[in-house]
Amino acid sequence: MNVNGLRELDEMAAKLEATIHSLPPVQRDELLKDIEKVRAKLMALLSAFNAEKQPDRPVDLGLKAKK
């Protein structure tokens, strides 16, 4: 997967997150946790990609890690 694909996945996660807020609290909380897991995996993939492509220089791809 390339950087653009990872960005698209992050954008989809953001859209899902916005949609989820209209769901009942129990469903919403579970789905938000799942999205957090996916975003954490995306960040790990991006870190690995950056280290592989440019080990001396980190690249900011504009993705935000969720806390």
N, C-alpha and C. Protein backbone atom coordinates (compact mmCIF):
# COMPACT_ATOMS: atom_id res chain seq x y z
N MET A 1 0.86 -1.18 0.00
CA MET A 1 0.00 0.00 0.00
C MET A 1 0.90 1.23 0.00
N ASN A 2 0.48 2.24 -0.74
CA ASN A 2 1.28 3.45 -0.80
C ASN A 2 0.74 4.51 0.15
N VAL A 3 1.44 5.62 0.21
CA VAL A 3 1.08 6.70 1.12
C VAL A 3 -0.31 7.24 0.83
N ASN A 4 -0.65 7.40 -0.44
CA ASN A 4 -1.98 7.92 -0.79
C ASN A 4 -3.08 6.98 -0.31
N GLY A 5 -2.85 5.68 -0.42
CA GLY A 5 -3.82 4.71 0.07
C GLY A 5 -4.02 4.83 1.58
N LEU A 6 -2.93 5.05 2.30
CA LEU A 6 -3.02 5.21 3.75
C LEU A 6 -3.75 6.49 4.11
N ARG A 7 -3.51 7.53 3.35
CA ARG A 7 -4.23 8.80 3.59
C ARG A 7 -5.73 8.61 3.36
N GLU A 8 -6.07 7.89 2.30
CA GLU A 8 -7.48 7.64 2.01
C GLU A 8 -8.14 6.85 3.14
N LEU A 9 -7.43 5.87 3.67
CA LEU A 9 -7.97 5.11 4.79
C LEU A 9 -8.19 6.00 6.01
N ASP A 10 -7.27 6.91 6.27
CA ASP A 10 -7.43 7.82 7.40
C ASP A 10 -8.63 8.75 7.18
N GLU A 11 -8.81 9.20 5.95
CA GLU A 11 -9.96 10.06 5.64
C GLU A 11 -11.27 9.30 5.83
N MET A 12 -11.29 8.03 5.43
CA MET A 12 -12.49 7.21 5.63
C MET A 12 -12.78 7.04 7.12
N ALA A 13 -11.73 6.83 7.90
CA ALA A 13 -11.90 6.68 9.35
C ALA A 13 -12.50 7.95 9.95
N ALA A 14 -12.04 9.10 9.49
CA ALA A 14 -12.59 10.37 9.98
C ALA A 14 -14.06 10.51 9.63
N LYS A 15 -14.44 10.12 8.42
CA LYS A 15 -15.85 10.20 8.01
C LYS A 15 -16.71 9.23 8.83
N LEU A 16 -16.19 8.04 9.05
CA LEU A 16 -16.93 7.07 9.87
C LEU A 16 -17.12 7.59 11.29
N GLU A 17 -16.07 8.18 11.82
CA GLU A 17 -16.13 8.73 13.17
C GLU A 17 -17.22 9.79 13.28
N ALA A 18 -17.31 10.64 12.28
CA ALA A 18 -18.34 11.69 12.29
C ALA A 18 -19.74 11.09 12.21
N THR A 19 -19.91 10.05 11.42
CA THR A 19 -21.20 9.40 11.27
C THR A 19 -21.61 8.65 12.54
N ILE A 20 -20.66 8.07 13.21
CA ILE A 20 -20.92 7.24 14.39
C ILE A 20 -21.58 8.03 15.52
N HIS A 21 -21.32 9.32 15.57
CA HIS A 21 -21.86 10.11 16.67
C HIS A 21 -23.38 10.17 16.68
N SER A 22 -24.04 9.74 15.61
CA SER A 22 -25.50 9.72 15.59
C SER A 22 -26.06 8.40 16.14
N LEU A 23 -25.21 7.46 16.46
CA LEU A 23 -25.65 6.15 16.97
C LEU A 23 -25.86 6.18 18.48
N PRO A 24 -26.60 5.20 19.01
CA PRO A 24 -26.75 5.10 20.47
C PRO A 24 -25.38 4.92 21.14
N PRO A 25 -25.24 5.39 22.38
CA PRO A 25 -23.94 5.38 23.06
C PRO A 25 -23.21 4.04 23.09
N VAL A 26 -23.89 2.95 23.34
CA VAL A 26 -23.21 1.65 23.43
C VAL A 26 -22.57 1.28 22.10
N GLN A 27 -23.33 1.38 21.02
CA GLN A 27 -22.79 1.08 19.69
C GLN A 27 -21.68 2.06 19.32
N ARG A 28 -21.91 3.31 19.62
CA ARG A 28 -20.94 4.36 19.27
C ARG A 28 -19.60 4.10 19.95
N ASP A 29 -19.61 3.79 21.23
CA ASP A 29 -18.38 3.57 21.97
C ASP A 29 -17.57 2.41 21.42
N GLU A 30 -18.27 1.32 21.08
CA GLU A 30 -17.58 0.15 20.52
C GLU A 30 -16.95 0.48 19.17
N LEU A 31 -17.69 1.17 18.33
CA LEU A 31 -17.17 1.52 17.01
C LEU A 31 -16.02 2.51 17.08
N LEU A 32 -16.09 3.46 18.01
CA LEU A 32 -15.00 4.41 18.17
C LEU A 32 -13.72 3.70 18.61
N LYS A 33 -13.87 2.70 19.46
CA LYS A 33 -12.70 1.92 19.89
C LYS A 33 -12.09 1.18 18.70
N ASP A 34 -12.94 0.63 17.86
CA ASP A 34 -12.44 -0.07 16.66
C ASP A 34 -11.70 0.90 15.74
N ILE A 35 -12.23 2.09 15.57
CA ILE A 35 -11.58 3.07 14.71
C ILE A 35 -10.23 3.48 15.31
N GLU A 36 -10.17 3.62 16.62
CA GLU A 36 -8.88 3.94 17.27
C GLU A 36 -7.84 2.87 16.96
N LYS A 37 -8.26 1.61 17.00
CA LYS A 37 -7.33 0.51 16.71
C LYS A 37 -6.83 0.59 15.26
N VAL A 38 -7.75 0.88 14.33
CA VAL A 38 -7.37 0.98 12.93
C VAL A 38 -6.40 2.14 12.73
N ARG A 39 -6.68 3.27 13.35
CA ARG A 39 -5.79 4.42 13.21
C ARG A 39 -4.41 4.14 13.80
N ALA A 40 -4.37 3.42 14.91
CA ALA A 40 -3.07 3.06 15.50
C ALA A 40 -2.27 2.19 14.53
N LYS A 41 -2.95 1.26 13.88
CA LYS A 41 -2.28 0.41 12.89
C LYS A 41 -1.80 1.25 11.70
N LEU A 42 -2.62 2.21 11.27
CA LEU A 42 -2.22 3.09 10.17
C LEU A 42 -0.96 3.87 10.54
N MET A 43 -0.92 4.39 11.76
CA MET A 43 0.24 5.16 12.20
C MET A 43 1.49 4.27 12.23
N ALA A 44 1.34 3.03 12.66
CA ALA A 44 2.48 2.10 12.67
C ALA A 44 2.96 1.82 11.25
N LEU A 45 2.02 1.63 10.33
CA LEU A 45 2.40 1.40 8.93
C LEU A 45 3.11 2.62 8.34
N LEU A 46 2.60 3.79 8.65
CA LEU A 46 3.23 5.01 8.15
C LEU A 46 4.63 5.18 8.72
N SER A 47 4.80 4.89 9.98
CA SER A 47 6.14 4.99 10.59
C SER A 47 7.10 4.04 9.91
N ALA A 48 6.66 2.82 9.67
CA ALA A 48 7.51 1.84 8.99
C ALA A 48 7.82 2.30 7.57
N PHE A 49 6.82 2.83 6.88
CA PHE A 49 7.01 3.32 5.52
C PHE A 49 8.04 4.45 5.50
N ASN A 50 7.88 5.40 6.41
CA ASN A 50 8.79 6.54 6.48
C ASN A 50 10.22 6.08 6.79
N ALA A 51 10.37 5.16 7.72
CA ALA A 51 11.69 4.68 8.08
C ALA A 51 12.35 3.95 6.91
N GLU A 52 11.54 3.25 6.15
CA GLU A 52 12.06 2.49 5.00
C GLU A 52 12.48 3.42 3.86
N LYS A 53 11.67 4.43 3.59
CA LYS A 53 11.92 5.31 2.45
C LYS A 53 12.96 6.39 2.74
N GLN A 54 12.88 6.98 3.92
CA GLN A 54 13.80 8.07 4.26
C GLN A 54 14.18 7.96 5.74
N PRO A 55 15.10 7.09 6.06
CA PRO A 55 15.44 6.86 7.46
C PRO A 55 15.98 8.09 8.18
N ASP A 56 16.59 9.02 7.46
CA ASP A 56 17.17 10.20 8.10
C ASP A 56 16.17 11.33 8.30
N ARG A 57 15.04 11.27 7.60
CA ARG A 57 14.12 12.41 7.58
C ARG A 57 12.68 11.95 7.71
N PRO A 58 12.04 12.20 8.85
CA PRO A 58 10.62 11.84 8.97
C PRO A 58 9.77 12.69 8.03
N VAL A 59 8.71 12.10 7.54
CA VAL A 59 7.82 12.80 6.62
C VAL A 59 6.46 12.98 7.30
N ASP A 60 5.98 14.22 7.35
CA ASP A 60 4.67 14.49 7.92
C ASP A 60 3.63 14.31 6.84
N LEU A 61 2.77 13.31 7.03
CA LEU A 61 1.74 13.03 6.04
C LEU A 61 0.40 13.64 6.39
N GLY A 62 0.35 14.40 7.46
CA GLY A 62 -0.87 15.08 7.84
C GLY A 62 -1.88 14.22 8.57
N LEU A 63 -1.49 13.03 9.00
CA LEU A 63 -2.40 12.16 9.75
C LEU A 63 -2.25 12.44 11.22
N LYS A 64 -3.35 12.39 11.92
CA LYS A 64 -3.33 12.67 13.35
C LYS A 64 -3.61 11.40 14.12
N ALA A 65 -2.76 11.11 15.07
CA ALA A 65 -2.99 9.95 15.94
C ALA A 65 -4.05 10.33 16.96
N LYS A 66 -4.95 9.42 17.22
CA LYS A 66 -5.99 9.66 18.22
C LYS A 66 -5.45 9.33 19.59
N LYS A 67 -5.86 10.12 20.58
CA LYS A 67 -5.41 9.87 21.96
C LYS A 67 -6.41 9.05 22.71
